Amino acid sequence: MARRRRTRINQGTAAGQEKFRKSLDPERVAAKNVRRAAPRQEFYYYVFGITFGGRKLIDGPFMSYAEADALMSTLESAEVFEKRTKDQAKATREIKAELLSRGEDPDKAIERVKHQQ
């Protein structure tokens, strides 16, 4: 593969000075450094609840609140959390941290939870 050589602008000549001035043109610089649109920040919904058998459960990610709400009706008590991550393990840690910050009993908040598959 051939290497591409980078040329330097010779500012000692009139042509070099003109190239240098053009390289500093704000419109040209702005056009070269156009940032692409950032990816949309999507929210994912996770259900944290207790089954009728007494086990803690975290299920998700769901793309809509309606999907998460449908699962809530099958649990004894449940709550929907809105998170920016699609990674279930990371969302579980964030949910547990949120429960601790609310004043939940630390032993109960840190207890292992079952992940629905």
N, C-alpha and C. Protein backbone atom coordinates (compact mmCIF):
# COMPACT_ATOMS: atom_id res chain seq x y z
N MET A 1 0.85 -1.16 0.00
CA MET A 1 0.00 0.00 0.00
C MET A 1 0.90 1.23 0.00
N ALA A 2 0.63 2.13 -0.89
CA ALA A 2 1.45 3.33 -1.02
C ALA A 2 1.11 4.32 0.08
N ARG A 3 2.15 4.93 0.60
CA ARG A 3 1.93 5.96 1.62
C ARG A 3 1.63 7.29 0.96
N ARG A 4 0.74 7.99 1.55
CA ARG A 4 0.41 9.30 1.04
C ARG A 4 1.26 10.33 1.78
N ARG A 5 1.99 11.12 1.04
CA ARG A 5 2.85 12.12 1.67
C ARG A 5 2.05 13.37 1.97
N ARG A 6 2.31 13.91 3.10
CA ARG A 6 1.63 15.13 3.50
C ARG A 6 2.48 16.30 3.05
N THR A 7 1.90 17.21 2.32
CA THR A 7 2.66 18.36 1.84
C THR A 7 2.49 19.52 2.80
N ARG A 8 3.54 20.26 2.94
CA ARG A 8 3.50 21.44 3.81
C ARG A 8 3.33 22.68 2.95
N ILE A 9 2.72 23.66 3.52
CA ILE A 9 2.50 24.90 2.80
C ILE A 9 3.75 25.77 2.97
N ASN A 10 4.32 26.16 1.86
CA ASN A 10 5.49 27.03 1.89
C ASN A 10 5.01 28.47 1.99
N GLN A 11 5.17 29.08 3.14
CA GLN A 11 4.67 30.43 3.35
C GLN A 11 5.60 31.50 2.79
N GLY A 12 6.75 31.09 2.29
CA GLY A 12 7.71 32.06 1.75
C GLY A 12 7.31 32.58 0.39
N THR A 13 6.48 31.85 -0.33
CA THR A 13 6.06 32.29 -1.67
C THR A 13 4.67 32.89 -1.59
N ALA A 14 4.33 33.65 -2.63
CA ALA A 14 3.02 34.29 -2.69
C ALA A 14 1.92 33.22 -2.77
N ALA A 15 2.18 32.17 -3.56
CA ALA A 15 1.18 31.10 -3.70
C ALA A 15 1.01 30.37 -2.36
N GLY A 16 2.11 30.18 -1.63
CA GLY A 16 2.05 29.52 -0.33
C GLY A 16 1.28 30.34 0.69
N GLN A 17 1.50 31.67 0.64
CA GLN A 17 0.78 32.54 1.57
C GLN A 17 -0.72 32.53 1.27
N GLU A 18 -1.07 32.47 -0.01
CA GLU A 18 -2.49 32.42 -0.39
C GLU A 18 -3.13 31.11 0.09
N LYS A 19 -2.42 30.00 -0.06
CA LYS A 19 -2.93 28.72 0.43
C LYS A 19 -3.12 28.76 1.94
N PHE A 20 -2.16 29.39 2.63
CA PHE A 20 -2.24 29.47 4.09
C PHE A 20 -3.45 30.29 4.51
N ARG A 21 -3.68 31.42 3.81
CA ARG A 21 -4.84 32.25 4.13
C ARG A 21 -6.15 31.48 3.90
N LYS A 22 -6.20 30.72 2.81
CA LYS A 22 -7.40 29.93 2.51
C LYS A 22 -7.62 28.85 3.56
N SER A 23 -6.51 28.29 4.06
CA SER A 23 -6.66 27.22 5.06
C SER A 23 -7.22 27.75 6.37
N LEU A 24 -7.07 29.06 6.61
CA LEU A 24 -7.60 29.65 7.84
C LEU A 24 -8.98 30.28 7.66
N ASP A 25 -9.54 30.19 6.48
CA ASP A 25 -10.85 30.76 6.21
C ASP A 25 -11.89 30.10 7.11
N PRO A 26 -12.59 30.88 7.93
CA PRO A 26 -13.53 30.29 8.90
C PRO A 26 -14.63 29.44 8.26
N GLU A 27 -15.11 29.85 7.11
CA GLU A 27 -16.17 29.08 6.46
C GLU A 27 -15.64 27.71 6.01
N ARG A 28 -14.42 27.71 5.50
CA ARG A 28 -13.83 26.45 5.05
C ARG A 28 -13.55 25.52 6.24
N VAL A 29 -13.03 26.12 7.31
CA VAL A 29 -12.75 25.33 8.51
C VAL A 29 -14.04 24.76 9.07
N ALA A 30 -15.08 25.58 9.10
CA ALA A 30 -16.38 25.12 9.62
C ALA A 30 -16.93 23.99 8.76
N ALA A 31 -16.76 24.09 7.44
CA ALA A 31 -17.26 23.05 6.55
C ALA A 31 -16.50 21.74 6.73
N LYS A 32 -15.20 21.84 7.00
CA LYS A 32 -14.39 20.63 7.19
C LYS A 32 -14.70 19.95 8.52
N ASN A 33 -14.99 20.74 9.52
CA ASN A 33 -15.18 20.21 10.87
C ASN A 33 -16.65 20.06 11.25
N VAL A 34 -17.47 19.78 10.27
CA VAL A 34 -18.89 19.61 10.55
C VAL A 34 -19.06 18.37 11.40
N ARG A 35 -19.71 18.55 12.53
CA ARG A 35 -19.97 17.39 13.40
C ARG A 35 -21.20 16.69 12.89
N ARG A 36 -21.10 15.42 12.87
CA ARG A 36 -22.25 14.63 12.48
C ARG A 36 -23.27 14.67 13.61
N ALA A 37 -24.50 14.45 13.26
CA ALA A 37 -25.56 14.46 14.28
C ALA A 37 -25.28 13.37 15.30
N ALA A 38 -25.40 13.74 16.55
CA ALA A 38 -25.17 12.78 17.62
C ALA A 38 -26.28 11.73 17.60
N PRO A 39 -25.95 10.50 17.98
CA PRO A 39 -27.00 9.49 18.03
C PRO A 39 -28.08 9.89 19.03
N ARG A 40 -29.30 9.56 18.69
CA ARG A 40 -30.42 9.89 19.57
C ARG A 40 -30.25 9.23 20.92
N GLN A 41 -30.53 9.97 21.95
CA GLN A 41 -30.49 9.39 23.28
C GLN A 41 -31.84 8.72 23.52
N GLU A 42 -31.83 7.42 23.49
CA GLU A 42 -33.06 6.68 23.70
C GLU A 42 -33.15 6.23 25.14
N PHE A 43 -34.36 6.11 25.61
CA PHE A 43 -34.59 5.59 26.94
C PHE A 43 -35.12 4.18 26.83
N TYR A 44 -34.70 3.36 27.73
CA TYR A 44 -35.19 1.99 27.80
C TYR A 44 -35.87 1.83 29.15
N TYR A 45 -36.87 1.02 29.20
CA TYR A 45 -37.66 0.84 30.41
C TYR A 45 -37.38 -0.53 31.01
N TYR A 46 -37.17 -0.53 32.31
CA TYR A 46 -36.90 -1.76 33.06
C TYR A 46 -37.94 -1.87 34.16
N VAL A 47 -38.40 -3.09 34.39
CA VAL A 47 -39.37 -3.34 35.45
C VAL A 47 -38.64 -4.00 36.61
N PHE A 48 -38.77 -3.38 37.78
CA PHE A 48 -38.24 -3.95 39.02
C PHE A 48 -39.45 -4.32 39.85
N GLY A 49 -39.57 -5.60 40.20
CA GLY A 49 -40.75 -6.00 40.95
C GLY A 49 -40.52 -7.24 41.77
N ILE A 50 -41.57 -7.61 42.50
CA ILE A 50 -41.55 -8.80 43.34
C ILE A 50 -42.63 -9.74 42.81
N THR A 51 -42.23 -10.98 42.55
CA THR A 51 -43.17 -11.96 42.03
C THR A 51 -44.11 -12.40 43.16
N PHE A 52 -45.14 -13.15 42.81
CA PHE A 52 -46.06 -13.66 43.83
C PHE A 52 -45.38 -14.68 44.72
N GLY A 53 -44.27 -15.25 44.26
CA GLY A 53 -43.49 -16.18 45.07
C GLY A 53 -42.53 -15.49 46.02
N GLY A 54 -42.39 -14.16 45.91
CA GLY A 54 -41.53 -13.39 46.81
C GLY A 54 -40.14 -13.11 46.27
N ARG A 55 -39.86 -13.49 45.02
CA ARG A 55 -38.54 -13.22 44.44
C ARG A 55 -38.50 -11.85 43.79
N LYS A 56 -37.33 -11.20 43.90
CA LYS A 56 -37.15 -9.92 43.22
C LYS A 56 -36.78 -10.18 41.77
N LEU A 57 -37.27 -9.33 40.88
CA LEU A 57 -37.11 -9.55 39.45
C LEU A 57 -36.82 -8.21 38.77
N ILE A 58 -35.88 -8.23 37.83
CA ILE A 58 -35.66 -7.08 36.95
C ILE A 58 -35.78 -7.60 35.53
N ASP A 59 -36.64 -6.97 34.75
CA ASP A 59 -36.84 -7.39 33.37
C ASP A 59 -36.73 -6.18 32.46
N GLY A 60 -36.16 -6.37 31.31
CA GLY A 60 -36.00 -5.29 30.35
C GLY A 60 -34.84 -5.60 29.45
N PRO A 61 -34.50 -4.79 28.57
CA PRO A 61 -35.05 -3.47 28.29
C PRO A 61 -36.30 -3.54 27.41
N PHE A 62 -37.21 -2.65 27.67
CA PHE A 62 -38.41 -2.49 26.86
C PHE A 62 -38.29 -1.16 26.13
N MET A 63 -38.76 -1.12 24.91
CA MET A 63 -38.67 0.10 24.11
C MET A 63 -39.77 1.10 24.46
N SER A 64 -40.86 0.63 25.04
CA SER A 64 -41.95 1.54 25.38
C SER A 64 -42.44 1.28 26.80
N TYR A 65 -43.05 2.30 27.36
CA TYR A 65 -43.60 2.17 28.71
C TYR A 65 -44.76 1.17 28.71
N ALA A 66 -45.49 1.10 27.63
CA ALA A 66 -46.65 0.20 27.55
C ALA A 66 -46.22 -1.26 27.68
N GLU A 67 -45.09 -1.62 27.05
CA GLU A 67 -44.59 -3.00 27.17
C GLU A 67 -44.22 -3.32 28.62
N ALA A 68 -43.56 -2.35 29.27
CA ALA A 68 -43.16 -2.56 30.66
C ALA A 68 -44.39 -2.63 31.56
N ASP A 69 -45.39 -1.82 31.26
CA ASP A 69 -46.60 -1.80 32.06
C ASP A 69 -47.35 -3.13 31.96
N ALA A 70 -47.28 -3.76 30.81
CA ALA A 70 -47.96 -5.06 30.63
C ALA A 70 -47.35 -6.11 31.55
N LEU A 71 -46.03 -6.06 31.75
CA LEU A 71 -45.38 -7.02 32.65
C LEU A 71 -45.71 -6.70 34.11
N MET A 72 -45.87 -5.42 34.42
CA MET A 72 -46.17 -5.03 35.81
C MET A 72 -47.45 -5.67 36.33
N SER A 73 -48.40 -5.89 35.43
CA SER A 73 -49.67 -6.46 35.87
C SER A 73 -49.53 -7.92 36.31
N THR A 74 -48.43 -8.57 35.92
CA THR A 74 -48.24 -9.98 36.30
C THR A 74 -47.45 -10.13 37.59
N LEU A 75 -47.02 -9.02 38.19
CA LEU A 75 -46.22 -9.06 39.42
C LEU A 75 -47.01 -8.55 40.61
N GLU A 76 -46.60 -8.97 41.80
CA GLU A 76 -47.29 -8.56 43.02
C GLU A 76 -47.12 -7.06 43.25
N SER A 77 -45.89 -6.59 43.22
CA SER A 77 -45.62 -5.15 43.28
C SER A 77 -44.47 -4.87 42.34
N ALA A 78 -44.57 -3.76 41.62
CA ALA A 78 -43.56 -3.47 40.60
C ALA A 78 -43.44 -1.97 40.38
N GLU A 79 -42.32 -1.61 39.77
CA GLU A 79 -42.05 -0.22 39.46
C GLU A 79 -41.26 -0.18 38.15
N VAL A 80 -41.51 0.84 37.33
CA VAL A 80 -40.81 0.98 36.06
C VAL A 80 -39.72 2.04 36.22
N PHE A 81 -38.52 1.70 35.75
CA PHE A 81 -37.40 2.63 35.76
C PHE A 81 -37.03 2.96 34.33
N GLU A 82 -36.71 4.22 34.09
CA GLU A 82 -36.32 4.68 32.76
C GLU A 82 -34.80 4.89 32.77
N LYS A 83 -34.09 4.16 31.93
CA LYS A 83 -32.62 4.23 31.89
C LYS A 83 -32.15 4.46 30.46
N ARG A 84 -30.97 5.06 30.34
CA ARG A 84 -30.40 5.33 29.01
C ARG A 84 -29.61 4.15 28.45
N THR A 85 -29.40 3.12 29.23
CA THR A 85 -28.59 2.00 28.79
C THR A 85 -29.44 0.81 28.37
N LYS A 86 -28.93 0.09 27.40
CA LYS A 86 -29.61 -1.12 26.97
C LYS A 86 -29.02 -2.35 27.67
N ASP A 87 -27.88 -2.17 28.32
CA ASP A 87 -27.19 -3.25 29.02
C ASP A 87 -27.92 -3.54 30.33
N GLN A 88 -28.42 -4.75 30.46
CA GLN A 88 -29.24 -5.10 31.62
C GLN A 88 -28.43 -5.10 32.91
N ALA A 89 -27.18 -5.54 32.86
CA ALA A 89 -26.35 -5.56 34.07
C ALA A 89 -26.09 -4.14 34.58
N LYS A 90 -25.81 -3.23 33.66
CA LYS A 90 -25.57 -1.84 34.06
C LYS A 90 -26.86 -1.22 34.61
N ALA A 91 -27.97 -1.51 33.97
CA ALA A 91 -29.25 -0.98 34.44
C ALA A 91 -29.58 -1.51 35.83
N THR A 92 -29.25 -2.77 36.09
CA THR A 92 -29.49 -3.37 37.42
C THR A 92 -28.70 -2.62 38.48
N ARG A 93 -27.43 -2.33 38.19
CA ARG A 93 -26.61 -1.58 39.15
C ARG A 93 -27.18 -0.19 39.39
N GLU A 94 -27.63 0.47 38.32
CA GLU A 94 -28.20 1.81 38.46
C GLU A 94 -29.50 1.78 39.27
N ILE A 95 -30.32 0.77 39.06
CA ILE A 95 -31.58 0.65 39.79
C ILE A 95 -31.31 0.42 41.27
N LYS A 96 -30.35 -0.47 41.57
CA LYS A 96 -30.01 -0.72 42.98
C LYS A 96 -29.45 0.53 43.64
N ALA A 97 -28.64 1.29 42.93
CA ALA A 97 -28.09 2.53 43.48
C ALA A 97 -29.21 3.54 43.74
N GLU A 98 -30.18 3.59 42.83
CA GLU A 98 -31.31 4.51 43.01
C GLU A 98 -32.15 4.10 44.22
N LEU A 99 -32.34 2.80 44.41
CA LEU A 99 -33.10 2.33 45.58
C LEU A 99 -32.37 2.69 46.88
N LEU A 100 -31.05 2.54 46.87
CA LEU A 100 -30.27 2.90 48.07
C LEU A 100 -30.36 4.39 48.36
N SER A 101 -30.29 5.21 47.32
CA SER A 101 -30.34 6.66 47.53
C SER A 101 -31.71 7.12 48.03
N ARG A 102 -32.75 6.35 47.75
CA ARG A 102 -34.09 6.67 48.24
C ARG A 102 -34.27 6.34 49.72
N GLY A 103 -33.36 5.55 50.27
CA GLY A 103 -33.48 5.17 51.66
C GLY A 103 -33.98 3.76 51.87
N GLU A 104 -33.97 2.97 50.82
CA GLU A 104 -34.35 1.56 50.92
C GLU A 104 -33.37 0.85 51.85
N ASP A 105 -33.82 -0.18 52.51
CA ASP A 105 -32.95 -0.97 53.38
C ASP A 105 -31.79 -1.51 52.54
N PRO A 106 -30.53 -1.22 52.91
CA PRO A 106 -29.39 -1.65 52.09
C PRO A 106 -29.34 -3.15 51.84
N ASP A 107 -29.69 -3.95 52.84
CA ASP A 107 -29.65 -5.40 52.65
C ASP A 107 -30.66 -5.84 51.59
N LYS A 108 -31.81 -5.21 51.58
CA LYS A 108 -32.83 -5.58 50.61
C LYS A 108 -32.52 -5.03 49.22
N ALA A 109 -31.90 -3.84 49.16
CA ALA A 109 -31.60 -3.23 47.86
C ALA A 109 -30.48 -3.96 47.14
N ILE A 110 -29.50 -4.46 47.91
CA ILE A 110 -28.34 -5.10 47.29
C ILE A 110 -28.56 -6.60 47.06
N GLU A 111 -29.63 -7.12 47.58
CA GLU A 111 -29.94 -8.54 47.42
C GLU A 111 -29.96 -8.92 45.94
N ARG A 112 -29.53 -10.13 45.65
CA ARG A 112 -29.53 -10.60 44.25
C ARG A 112 -30.94 -10.60 43.68
N VAL A 113 -31.01 -10.28 42.41
CA VAL A 113 -32.31 -10.30 41.73
C VAL A 113 -32.22 -11.23 40.53
N LYS A 114 -33.36 -11.76 40.17
CA LYS A 114 -33.42 -12.65 39.01
C LYS A 114 -33.66 -11.80 37.76
N HIS A 115 -32.93 -12.13 36.70
CA HIS A 115 -33.15 -11.45 35.43
C HIS A 115 -34.03 -12.33 34.56
N GLN A 116 -35.13 -11.76 34.13
CA GLN A 116 -36.05 -12.47 33.24
C GLN A 116 -35.41 -12.65 31.88
N GLN A 117 -35.53 -13.81 31.28
CA GLN A 117 -34.96 -14.04 29.95
C GLN A 117 -36.04 -14.05 28.91
